[in-house]
Amino acid sequence: SDLANDLHARPTSDRLPLLTSLGLCVLAARACDLAILDGVHLD
C-alpha cells in the first residue's frame, strides 16, 4: 500500500505496477534463504 502510493501507481487487478518490486524482493529473499510475505489486500 505504501509502496504503490510512493510510486504514484494506479490500482490494478493484476498489480502490474508492483510486479517489478515484488520480483526484486522475492529474488533478494531467496538469495539469502529468507522467508517473504506478500502485502495486504485492502478491499
PDB file of all heavy atoms in Angstrom:
ATOM      1  N   SER A   1       0.831  -1.211   0.000  1.00  0.00           N
ATOM      2  CA  SER A   1       0.000   0.000   0.000  1.00  0.00           C
ATOM      3  C   SER A   1       0.860   1.253   0.000  1.00  0.00           C
ATOM      4  O   SER A   1       0.676   2.160  -0.827  1.00  0.00           O
ATOM      5  CB  SER A   1      -0.934  -0.005   1.210  1.00  0.00           C
ATOM      6  OG  SER A   1      -1.797  -1.122   1.176  1.00  0.00           O
ATOM      7  N   ASP A   2       1.812   1.321   0.931  1.00  0.00           N
ATOM      8  CA  ASP A   2       2.719   2.469   0.981  1.00  0.00           C
ATOM      9  C   ASP A   2       3.557   2.550  -0.291  1.00  0.00           C
ATOM     10  O   ASP A   2       3.813   3.644  -0.822  1.00  0.00           O
ATOM     11  CB  ASP A   2       3.645   2.372   2.193  1.00  0.00           C
ATOM     12  CG  ASP A   2       2.952   2.784   3.480  1.00  0.00           C
ATOM     13  OD1 ASP A   2       1.822   3.291   3.401  1.00  0.00           O
ATOM     14  OD2 ASP A   2       3.539   2.594   4.555  1.00  0.00           O
ATOM     15  N   LEU A   3       3.983   1.394  -0.786  1.00  0.00           N
ATOM     16  CA  LEU A   3       4.823   1.377  -1.984  1.00  0.00           C
ATOM     17  C   LEU A   3       4.056   1.911  -3.188  1.00  0.00           C
ATOM     18  O   LEU A   3       4.581   2.746  -3.953  1.00  0.00           O
ATOM     19  CB  LEU A   3       5.307  -0.042  -2.256  1.00  0.00           C
ATOM     20  CG  LEU A   3       6.183  -0.229  -3.489  1.00  0.00           C
ATOM     21  CD1 LEU A   3       7.455   0.609  -3.391  1.00  0.00           C
ATOM     22  CD2 LEU A   3       6.526  -1.706  -3.678  1.00  0.00           C
ATOM     23  N   ALA A   4       2.827   1.461  -3.374  1.00  0.00           N
ATOM     24  CA  ALA A   4       2.027   1.934  -4.505  1.00  0.00           C
ATOM     25  C   ALA A   4       1.811   3.439  -4.416  1.00  0.00           C
ATOM     26  O   ALA A   4       1.852   4.148  -5.433  1.00  0.00           O
ATOM     27  CB  ALA A   4       0.685   1.209  -4.534  1.00  0.00           C
ATOM     28  N   ASN A   5       1.626   3.942  -3.205  1.00  0.00           N
ATOM     29  CA  ASN A   5       1.437   5.381  -3.020  1.00  0.00           C
ATOM     30  C   ASN A   5       2.698   6.147  -3.420  1.00  0.00           C
ATOM     31  O   ASN A   5       2.631   7.159  -4.129  1.00  0.00           O
ATOM     32  CB  ASN A   5       1.086   5.661  -1.564  1.00  0.00           C
ATOM     33  CG  ASN A   5       0.795   7.128  -1.305  1.00  0.00           C
ATOM     34  OD1 ASN A   5      -0.183   7.668  -1.792  1.00  0.00           O
ATOM     35  ND2 ASN A   5       1.657   7.781  -0.529  1.00  0.00           N
ATOM     36  N   ASP A   6       3.850   5.651  -2.979  1.00  0.00           N
ATOM     37  CA  ASP A   6       5.110   6.328  -3.306  1.00  0.00           C
ATOM     38  C   ASP A   6       5.424   6.266  -4.797  1.00  0.00           C
ATOM     39  O   ASP A   6       6.063   7.170  -5.349  1.00  0.00           O
ATOM     40  CB  ASP A   6       6.266   5.701  -2.517  1.00  0.00           C
ATOM     41  CG  ASP A   6       6.286   6.122  -1.062  1.00  0.00           C
ATOM     42  OD1 ASP A   6       5.424   6.939  -0.665  1.00  0.00           O
ATOM     43  OD2 ASP A   6       7.153   5.638  -0.314  1.00  0.00           O
ATOM     44  N   LEU A   7       4.992   5.206  -5.433  1.00  0.00           N
ATOM     45  CA  LEU A   7       5.240   5.042  -6.869  1.00  0.00           C
ATOM     46  C   LEU A   7       4.278   5.859  -7.718  1.00  0.00           C
ATOM     47  O   LEU A   7       4.455   5.960  -8.936  1.00  0.00           O
ATOM     48  CB  LEU A   7       5.114   3.563  -7.261  1.00  0.00           C
ATOM     49  CG  LEU A   7       6.186   2.609  -6.727  1.00  0.00           C
ATOM     50  CD1 LEU A   7       5.837   1.176  -7.093  1.00  0.00           C
ATOM     51  CD2 LEU A   7       7.563   2.972  -7.244  1.00  0.00           C
ATOM     52  N   HIS A   8       3.246   6.420  -7.085  1.00  0.00           N
ATOM     53  CA  HIS A   8       2.163   7.099  -7.810  1.00  0.00           C
ATOM     54  C   HIS A   8       1.482   6.124  -8.761  1.00  0.00           C
ATOM     55  O   HIS A   8       1.024   6.503  -9.843  1.00  0.00           O
ATOM     56  CB  HIS A   8       2.676   8.312  -8.586  1.00  0.00           C
ATOM     57  CG  HIS A   8       3.390   9.303  -7.735  1.00  0.00           C
ATOM     58  ND1 HIS A   8       4.144  10.321  -8.266  1.00  0.00           N
ATOM     59  CD2 HIS A   8       3.489   9.457  -6.383  1.00  0.00           C
ATOM     60  CE1 HIS A   8       4.670  11.042  -7.295  1.00  0.00           C
ATOM     61  NE2 HIS A   8       4.280  10.545  -6.139  1.00  0.00           N
ATOM     62  N   ALA A   9       1.432   4.850  -8.335  1.00  0.00           N
ATOM     63  CA  ALA A   9       0.854   3.816  -9.184  1.00  0.00           C
ATOM     64  C   ALA A   9      -0.662   3.781  -9.029  1.00  0.00           C
ATOM     65  O   ALA A   9      -1.200   4.001  -7.948  1.00  0.00           O
ATOM     66  CB  ALA A   9       1.440   2.453  -8.804  1.00  0.00           C
ATOM     67  N   ARG A  10      -1.336   3.486 -10.109  1.00  0.00           N
ATOM     68  CA  ARG A  10      -2.785   3.337 -10.075  1.00  0.00           C
ATOM     69  C   ARG A  10      -3.132   1.900  -9.693  1.00  0.00           C
ATOM     70  O   ARG A  10      -2.439   0.955 -10.106  1.00  0.00           O
ATOM     71  CB  ARG A  10      -3.392   3.678 -11.429  1.00  0.00           C
ATOM     72  CG  ARG A  10      -3.128   5.100 -11.882  1.00  0.00           C
ATOM     73  CD  ARG A  10      -3.833   5.408 -13.188  1.00  0.00           C
ATOM     74  NE  ARG A  10      -5.292   5.369 -13.029  1.00  0.00           N
ATOM     75  CZ  ARG A  10      -6.143   5.548 -14.041  1.00  0.00           C
ATOM     76  NH1 ARG A  10      -5.682   5.769 -15.267  1.00  0.00           N
ATOM     77  NH2 ARG A  10      -7.439   5.495 -13.835  1.00  0.00           N
ATOM     78  N   PRO A  11      -4.186   1.692  -8.891  1.00  0.00           N
ATOM     79  CA  PRO A  11      -4.564   0.319  -8.519  1.00  0.00           C
ATOM     80  C   PRO A  11      -5.061  -0.466  -9.723  1.00  0.00           C
ATOM     81  O   PRO A  11      -5.890   0.024 -10.500  1.00  0.00           O
ATOM     82  CB  PRO A  11      -5.689   0.530  -7.496  1.00  0.00           C
ATOM     83  CG  PRO A  11      -6.223   1.890  -7.796  1.00  0.00           C
ATOM     84  CD  PRO A  11      -5.083   2.704  -8.295  1.00  0.00           C
ATOM     85  N   THR A  12      -4.557  -1.658  -9.895  1.00  0.00           N
ATOM     86  CA  THR A  12      -4.994  -2.536 -10.985  1.00  0.00           C
ATOM     87  C   THR A  12      -5.217  -3.932 -10.419  1.00  0.00           C
ATOM     88  O   THR A  12      -4.567  -4.335  -9.451  1.00  0.00           O
ATOM     89  CB  THR A  12      -3.952  -2.613 -12.111  1.00  0.00           C
ATOM     90  OG1 THR A  12      -2.750  -3.211 -11.606  1.00  0.00           O
ATOM     91  CG2 THR A  12      -3.630  -1.235 -12.668  1.00  0.00           C
ATOM     92  N   SER A  13      -6.114  -4.673 -11.023  1.00  0.00           N
ATOM     93  CA  SER A  13      -6.435  -6.008 -10.515  1.00  0.00           C
ATOM     94  C   SER A  13      -5.274  -6.977 -10.653  1.00  0.00           C
ATOM     95  O   SER A  13      -5.152  -7.928  -9.879  1.00  0.00           O
ATOM     96  CB  SER A  13      -7.656  -6.563 -11.260  1.00  0.00           C
ATOM     97  OG  SER A  13      -7.396  -6.662 -12.652  1.00  0.00           O
ATOM     98  N   ASP A  14      -4.390  -6.730 -11.617  1.00  0.00           N
ATOM     99  CA  ASP A  14      -3.252  -7.636 -11.825  1.00  0.00           C
ATOM    100  C   ASP A  14      -1.978  -7.184 -11.099  1.00  0.00           C
ATOM    101  O   ASP A  14      -0.947  -7.843 -11.185  1.00  0.00           O
ATOM    102  CB  ASP A  14      -2.956  -7.799 -13.316  1.00  0.00           C
ATOM    103  CG  ASP A  14      -2.644  -6.473 -14.017  1.00  0.00           C
ATOM    104  OD1 ASP A  14      -2.519  -5.433 -13.321  1.00  0.00           O
ATOM    105  OD2 ASP A  14      -2.542  -6.467 -15.258  1.00  0.00           O
ATOM    106  N   ARG A  15      -2.055  -6.054 -10.399  1.00  0.00           N
ATOM    107  CA  ARG A  15      -0.915  -5.486  -9.647  1.00  0.00           C
ATOM    108  C   ARG A  15       0.320  -5.273 -10.540  1.00  0.00           C
ATOM    109  O   ARG A  15       1.458  -5.317 -10.056  1.00  0.00           O
ATOM    110  CB  ARG A  15      -0.549  -6.369  -8.442  1.00  0.00           C
ATOM    111  CG  ARG A  15      -1.639  -6.514  -7.423  1.00  0.00           C
ATOM    112  CD  ARG A  15      -1.106  -6.981  -6.088  1.00  0.00           C
ATOM    113  NE  ARG A  15      -0.517  -8.293  -6.145  1.00  0.00           N
ATOM    114  CZ  ARG A  15       0.095  -8.877  -5.103  1.00  0.00           C
ATOM    115  NH1 ARG A  15       0.180  -8.254  -3.945  1.00  0.00           N
ATOM    116  NH2 ARG A  15       0.610 -10.079  -5.216  1.00  0.00           N
ATOM    117  N   LEU A  16       0.079  -5.060 -11.812  1.00  0.00           N
ATOM    118  CA  LEU A  16       1.176  -4.882 -12.752  1.00  0.00           C
ATOM    119  C   LEU A  16       2.167  -3.797 -12.323  1.00  0.00           C
ATOM    120  O   LEU A  16       3.381  -3.990 -12.450  1.00  0.00           O
ATOM    121  CB  LEU A  16       0.625  -4.592 -14.149  1.00  0.00           C
ATOM    122  CG  LEU A  16       1.656  -4.461 -15.276  1.00  0.00           C
ATOM    123  CD1 LEU A  16       2.460  -5.745 -15.424  1.00  0.00           C
ATOM    124  CD2 LEU A  16       0.960  -4.117 -16.582  1.00  0.00           C
ATOM    125  N   PRO A  17       1.723  -2.638 -11.784  1.00  0.00           N
ATOM    126  CA  PRO A  17       2.691  -1.612 -11.391  1.00  0.00           C
ATOM    127  C   PRO A  17       3.642  -2.047 -10.279  1.00  0.00           C
ATOM    128  O   PRO A  17       4.703  -1.444 -10.099  1.00  0.00           O
ATOM    129  CB  PRO A  17       1.799  -0.453 -10.909  1.00  0.00           C
ATOM    130  CG  PRO A  17       0.487  -0.676 -11.572  1.00  0.00           C
ATOM    131  CD  PRO A  17       0.334  -2.158 -11.644  1.00  0.00           C
ATOM    132  N   LEU A  18       3.272  -3.107  -9.553  1.00  0.00           N
ATOM    133  CA  LEU A  18       4.089  -3.561  -8.423  1.00  0.00           C
ATOM    134  C   LEU A  18       4.951  -4.773  -8.752  1.00  0.00           C
ATOM    135  O   LEU A  18       5.779  -5.181  -7.926  1.00  0.00           O
ATOM    136  CB  LEU A  18       3.186  -3.920  -7.238  1.00  0.00           C
ATOM    137  CG  LEU A  18       2.358  -2.788  -6.631  1.00  0.00           C
ATOM    138  CD1 LEU A  18       1.460  -3.333  -5.524  1.00  0.00           C
ATOM    139  CD2 LEU A  18       3.253  -1.683  -6.085  1.00  0.00           C
ATOM    140  N   LEU A  19       4.790  -5.351  -9.914  1.00  0.00           N
ATOM    141  CA  LEU A  19       5.447  -6.625 -10.198  1.00  0.00           C
ATOM    142  C   LEU A  19       6.970  -6.545 -10.144  1.00  0.00           C
ATOM    143  O   LEU A  19       7.639  -7.470  -9.679  1.00  0.00           O
ATOM    144  CB  LEU A  19       4.999  -7.164 -11.561  1.00  0.00           C
ATOM    145  CG  LEU A  19       3.590  -7.747 -11.613  1.00  0.00           C
ATOM    146  CD1 LEU A  19       3.299  -8.327 -12.989  1.00  0.00           C
ATOM    147  CD2 LEU A  19       3.402  -8.805 -10.537  1.00  0.00           C
ATOM    148  N   THR A  20       7.533  -5.444 -10.623  1.00  0.00           N
ATOM    149  CA  THR A  20       8.995  -5.302 -10.559  1.00  0.00           C
ATOM    150  C   THR A  20       9.467  -5.321  -9.121  1.00  0.00           C
ATOM    151  O   THR A  20      10.423  -6.033  -8.771  1.00  0.00           O
ATOM    152  CB  THR A  20       9.444  -3.997 -11.239  1.00  0.00           C
ATOM    153  OG1 THR A  20       9.116  -4.048 -12.618  1.00  0.00           O
ATOM    154  CG2 THR A  20      10.953  -3.795 -11.081  1.00  0.00           C
ATOM    155  N   SER A  21       8.800  -4.580  -8.262  1.00  0.00           N
ATOM    156  CA  SER A  21       9.178  -4.522  -6.846  1.00  0.00           C
ATOM    157  C   SER A  21       8.986  -5.874  -6.162  1.00  0.00           C
ATOM    158  O   SER A  21       9.846  -6.322  -5.391  1.00  0.00           O
ATOM    159  CB  SER A  21       8.340  -3.457  -6.128  1.00  0.00           C
ATOM    160  OG  SER A  21       8.539  -2.188  -6.692  1.00  0.00           O
ATOM    161  N   LEU A  22       7.868  -6.513  -6.437  1.00  0.00           N
ATOM    162  CA  LEU A  22       7.618  -7.827  -5.840  1.00  0.00           C
ATOM    163  C   LEU A  22       8.698  -8.823  -6.265  1.00  0.00           C
ATOM    164  O   LEU A  22       9.232  -9.580  -5.439  1.00  0.00           O
ATOM    165  CB  LEU A  22       6.233  -8.338  -6.261  1.00  0.00           C
ATOM    166  CG  LEU A  22       5.022  -7.530  -5.786  1.00  0.00           C
ATOM    167  CD1 LEU A  22       3.741  -8.056  -6.428  1.00  0.00           C
ATOM    168  CD2 LEU A  22       4.901  -7.562  -4.268  1.00  0.00           C
ATOM    169  N   GLY A  23       9.024  -8.813  -7.540  1.00  0.00           N
ATOM    170  CA  GLY A  23      10.040  -9.740  -8.045  1.00  0.00           C
ATOM    171  C   GLY A  23      11.412  -9.487  -7.460  1.00  0.00           C
ATOM    172  O   GLY A  23      12.133 -10.434  -7.105  1.00  0.00           O
ATOM    173  N   LEU A  24      11.801  -8.224  -7.349  1.00  0.00           N
ATOM    174  CA  LEU A  24      13.108  -7.900  -6.782  1.00  0.00           C
ATOM    175  C   LEU A  24      13.219  -8.384  -5.338  1.00  0.00           C
ATOM    176  O   LEU A  24      14.271  -8.882  -4.911  1.00  0.00           O
ATOM    177  CB  LEU A  24      13.350  -6.394  -6.847  1.00  0.00           C
ATOM    178  CG  LEU A  24      13.695  -5.820  -8.226  1.00  0.00           C
ATOM    179  CD1 LEU A  24      13.716  -4.291  -8.174  1.00  0.00           C
ATOM    180  CD2 LEU A  24      15.042  -6.359  -8.708  1.00  0.00           C
ATOM    181  N   CYS A  25      12.136  -8.247  -4.591  1.00  0.00           N
ATOM    182  CA  CYS A  25      12.179  -8.656  -3.187  1.00  0.00           C
ATOM    183  C   CYS A  25      12.167 -10.174  -3.034  1.00  0.00           C
ATOM    184  O   CYS A  25      12.827 -10.719  -2.146  1.00  0.00           O
ATOM    185  CB  CYS A  25      11.020  -8.016  -2.415  1.00  0.00           C
ATOM    186  SG  CYS A  25      11.236  -6.242  -2.172  1.00  0.00           S
ATOM    187  N   VAL A  26      11.433 -10.871  -3.902  1.00  0.00           N
ATOM    188  CA  VAL A  26      11.491 -12.334  -3.880  1.00  0.00           C
ATOM    189  C   VAL A  26      12.905 -12.811  -4.206  1.00  0.00           C
ATOM    190  O   VAL A  26      13.445 -13.719  -3.549  1.00  0.00           O
ATOM    191  CB  VAL A  26      10.473 -12.941  -4.868  1.00  0.00           C
ATOM    192  CG1 VAL A  26      10.695 -14.450  -5.018  1.00  0.00           C
ATOM    193  CG2 VAL A  26       9.042 -12.677  -4.392  1.00  0.00           C
ATOM    194  N   LEU A  27      13.526 -12.190  -5.205  1.00  0.00           N
ATOM    195  CA  LEU A  27      14.909 -12.544  -5.553  1.00  0.00           C
ATOM    196  C   LEU A  27      15.847 -12.335  -4.367  1.00  0.00           C
ATOM    197  O   LEU A  27      16.683 -13.191  -4.049  1.00  0.00           O
ATOM    198  CB  LEU A  27      15.378 -11.695  -6.736  1.00  0.00           C
ATOM    199  CG  LEU A  27      14.942 -12.126  -8.130  1.00  0.00           C
ATOM    200  CD1 LEU A  27      15.251 -11.032  -9.140  1.00  0.00           C
ATOM    201  CD2 LEU A  27      15.651 -13.426  -8.525  1.00  0.00           C
ATOM    202  N   ALA A  28      15.720 -11.189  -3.704  1.00  0.00           N
ATOM    203  CA  ALA A  28      16.588 -10.882  -2.568  1.00  0.00           C
ATOM    204  C   ALA A  28      16.377 -11.868  -1.434  1.00  0.00           C
ATOM    205  O   ALA A  28      17.340 -12.347  -0.813  1.00  0.00           O
ATOM    206  CB  ALA A  28      16.320  -9.457  -2.079  1.00  0.00           C
ATOM    207  N   ALA A  29      15.116 -12.195  -1.151  1.00  0.00           N
ATOM    208  CA  ALA A  29      14.823 -13.131  -0.065  1.00  0.00           C
ATOM    209  C   ALA A  29      15.391 -14.513  -0.367  1.00  0.00           C
ATOM    210  O   ALA A  29      16.050 -15.131   0.482  1.00  0.00           O
ATOM    211  CB  ALA A  29      13.320 -13.213   0.158  1.00  0.00           C
ATOM    212  N   ARG A  30      15.165 -15.007  -1.559  1.00  0.00           N
ATOM    213  CA  ARG A  30      15.634 -16.362  -1.883  1.00  0.00           C
ATOM    214  C   ARG A  30      17.167 -16.422  -1.970  1.00  0.00           C
ATOM    215  O   ARG A  30      17.773 -17.441  -1.621  1.00  0.00           O
ATOM    216  CB  ARG A  30      15.016 -16.828  -3.204  1.00  0.00           C
ATOM    217  CG  ARG A  30      13.502 -16.933  -3.162  1.00  0.00           C
ATOM    218  CD  ARG A  30      13.013 -17.713  -1.962  1.00  0.00           C
ATOM    219  NE  ARG A  30      11.553 -17.776  -1.929  1.00  0.00           N
ATOM    220  CZ  ARG A  30      10.822 -17.819  -0.832  1.00  0.00           C
ATOM    221  NH1 ARG A  30      11.417 -17.801   0.352  1.00  0.00           N
ATOM    222  NH2 ARG A  30       9.513 -17.891  -0.890  1.00  0.00           N
ATOM    223  N   ALA A  31      17.783 -15.332  -2.413  1.00  0.00           N
ATOM    224  CA  ALA A  31      19.249 -15.312  -2.478  1.00  0.00           C
ATOM    225  C   ALA A  31      19.862 -15.445  -1.095  1.00  0.00           C
ATOM    226  O   ALA A  31      20.965 -15.978  -0.945  1.00  0.00           O
ATOM    227  CB  ALA A  31      19.729 -14.026  -3.133  1.00  0.00           C
ATOM    228  N   CYS A  32      19.144 -14.967  -0.081  1.00  0.00           N
ATOM    229  CA  CYS A  32      19.646 -15.017   1.299  1.00  0.00           C
ATOM    230  C   CYS A  32      18.946 -16.070   2.141  1.00  0.00           C
ATOM    231  O   CYS A  32      19.092 -16.084   3.368  1.00  0.00           O
ATOM    232  CB  CYS A  32      19.499 -13.642   1.949  1.00  0.00           C
ATOM    233  SG  CYS A  32      20.507 -12.365   1.176  1.00  0.00           S
ATOM    234  N   ASP A  33      18.161 -16.938   1.496  1.00  0.00           N
ATOM    235  CA  ASP A  33      17.455 -18.025   2.178  1.00  0.00           C
ATOM    236  C   ASP A  33      16.518 -17.491   3.260  1.00  0.00           C
ATOM    237  O   ASP A  33      16.489 -17.994   4.388  1.00  0.00           O
ATOM    238  CB  ASP A  33      18.452 -19.019   2.780  1.00  0.00           C
ATOM    239  CG  ASP A  33      17.800 -20.352   3.124  1.00  0.00           C
ATOM    240  OD1 ASP A  33      16.760 -20.665   2.512  1.00  0.00           O
ATOM    241  OD2 ASP A  33      18.312 -21.066   4.003  1.00  0.00           O
ATOM    242  N   LEU A  34      15.753 -16.471   2.907  1.00  0.00           N
ATOM    243  CA  LEU A  34      14.808 -15.855   3.833  1.00  0.00           C
ATOM    244  C   LEU A  34      13.378 -16.173   3.431  1.00  0.00           C
ATOM    245  O   LEU A  34      13.102 -16.497   2.274  1.00  0.00           O
ATOM    246  CB  LEU A  34      14.972 -14.336   3.843  1.00  0.00           C
ATOM    247  CG  LEU A  34      16.343 -13.755   4.150  1.00  0.00           C
ATOM    248  CD1 LEU A  34      16.280 -12.232   4.098  1.00  0.00           C
ATOM    249  CD2 LEU A  34      16.853 -14.236   5.497  1.00  0.00           C
ATOM    250  N   ALA A  35      12.467 -16.024   4.375  1.00  0.00           N
ATOM    251  CA  ALA A  35      11.038 -16.076   4.065  1.00  0.00           C
ATOM    252  C   ALA A  35      10.615 -14.731   3.484  1.00  0.00           C
ATOM    253  O   ALA A  35      11.298 -13.720   3.665  1.00  0.00           O
ATOM    254  CB  ALA A  35      10.242 -16.373   5.331  1.00  0.00           C
ATOM    255  N   ILE A  36       9.470 -14.726   2.796  1.00  0.00           N
ATOM    256  CA  ILE A  36       8.950 -13.460   2.269  1.00  0.00           C
ATOM    257  C   ILE A  36       7.435 -13.530   2.221  1.00  0.00           C
ATOM    258  O   ILE A  36       6.853 -14.525   1.774  1.00  0.00           O
ATOM    259  CB  ILE A  36       9.541 -13.117   0.884  1.00  0.00           C
ATOM    260  CG1 ILE A  36       9.025 -11.742   0.425  1.00  0.00           C
ATOM    261  CG2 ILE A  36       9.285 -14.203  -0.142  1.00  0.00           C
ATOM    262  CD1 ILE A  36       9.819 -11.140  -0.725  1.00  0.00           C
ATOM    263  N   LEU A  37       6.802 -12.453   2.710  1.00  0.00           N
ATOM    264  CA  LEU A  37       5.348 -12.377   2.789  1.00  0.00           C
ATOM    265  C   LEU A  37       4.826 -11.288   1.861  1.00  0.00           C
ATOM    266  O   LEU A  37       5.372 -10.187   1.813  1.00  0.00           O
ATOM    267  CB  LEU A  37       4.916 -12.074   4.227  1.00  0.00           C
ATOM    268  CG  LEU A  37       5.362 -13.076   5.292  1.00  0.00           C
ATOM    269  CD1 LEU A  37       4.973 -12.580   6.680  1.00  0.00           C
ATOM    270  CD2 LEU A  37       4.772 -14.454   5.020  1.00  0.00           C
ATOM    271  N   ASP A  38       3.751 -11.594   1.173  1.00  0.00           N
ATOM    272  CA  ASP A  38       3.123 -10.640   0.267  1.00  0.00           C
ATOM    273  C   ASP A  38       2.351  -9.591   1.070  1.00  0.00           C
ATOM    274  O   ASP A  38       2.011  -9.789   2.233  1.00  0.00           O
ATOM    275  CB  ASP A  38       2.192 -11.399  -0.682  1.00  0.00           C
ATOM    276  CG  ASP A  38       1.844 -10.619  -1.933  1.00  0.00           C
ATOM    277  OD1 ASP A  38       2.300  -9.468  -2.061  1.00  0.00           O
ATOM    278  OD2 ASP A  38       1.107 -11.171  -2.771  1.00  0.00           O
ATOM    279  N   GLY A  39       2.056  -8.467   0.418  1.00  0.00           N
ATOM    280  CA  GLY A  39       1.360  -7.371   1.072  1.00  0.00           C
ATOM    281  C   GLY A  39      -0.130  -7.619   1.248  1.00  0.00           C
ATOM    282  O   GLY A  39      -0.688  -8.590   0.731  1.00  0.00           O
ATOM    283  N   VAL A  40      -0.790  -6.728   1.959  1.00  0.00           N
ATOM    284  CA  VAL A  40      -2.206  -6.884   2.280  1.00  0.00           C
ATOM    285  C   VAL A  40      -3.087  -6.532   1.080  1.00  0.00           C
ATOM    286  O   VAL A  40      -2.671  -5.806   0.179  1.00  0.00           O
ATOM    287  CB  VAL A  40      -2.598  -5.995   3.483  1.00  0.00           C
ATOM    288  CG1 VAL A  40      -1.768  -6.355   4.702  1.00  0.00           C
ATOM    289  CG2 VAL A  40      -2.449  -4.512   3.156  1.00  0.00           C
ATOM    290  N   HIS A  41      -4.306  -7.054   1.122  1.00  0.00           N
ATOM    291  CA  HIS A  41      -5.346  -6.694   0.152  1.00  0.00           C
ATOM    292  C   HIS A  41      -6.365  -5.872   0.923  1.00  0.00           C
ATOM    293  O   HIS A  41      -7.007  -6.364   1.861  1.00  0.00           O
ATOM    294  CB  HIS A  41      -5.986  -7.966  -0.428  1.00  0.00           C
ATOM    295  CG  HIS A  41      -6.979  -7.713  -1.508  1.00  0.00           C
ATOM    296  ND1 HIS A  41      -6.605  -7.440  -2.813  1.00  0.00           N
ATOM    297  CD2 HIS A  41      -8.335  -7.669  -1.502  1.00  0.00           C
ATOM    298  CE1 HIS A  41      -7.685  -7.273  -3.558  1.00  0.00           C
ATOM    299  NE2 HIS A  41      -8.744  -7.391  -2.777  1.00  0.00           N
ATOM    300  N   LEU A  42      -6.521  -4.608   0.556  1.00  0.00           N
ATOM    301  CA  LEU A  42      -7.273  -3.676   1.382  1.00  0.00           C
ATOM    302  C   LEU A  42      -8.792  -3.773   1.238  1.00  0.00           C
ATOM    303  O   LEU A  42      -9.523  -3.418   2.172  1.00  0.00           O
ATOM    304  CB  LEU A  42      -6.835  -2.240   1.065  1.00  0.00           C
ATOM    305  CG  LEU A  42      -5.395  -1.879   1.441  1.00  0.00           C
ATOM    306  CD1 LEU A  42      -5.093  -0.450   1.000  1.00  0.00           C
ATOM    307  CD2 LEU A  42      -5.159  -2.041   2.937  1.00  0.00           C
ATOM    308  N   ASP A  43      -9.290  -4.226   0.099  1.00  0.00           N
ATOM    309  CA  ASP A  43     -10.725  -4.248  -0.150  1.00  0.00           C
ATOM    310  C   ASP A  43     -11.326  -5.542   0.392  1.00  0.00           C
ATOM    311  O   ASP A  43     -11.316  -6.585  -0.258  1.00  0.00           O
ATOM    312  CB  ASP A  43     -10.998  -4.111  -1.646  1.00  0.00           C
ATOM    313  CG  ASP A  43     -12.477  -3.932  -1.962  1.00  0.00           C
ATOM    314  OD1 ASP A  43     -13.301  -4.088  -1.042  1.00  0.00           O
ATOM    315  OD2 ASP A  43     -12.802  -3.634  -3.131  1.00  0.00           O
TER     316      ASP A  43
END
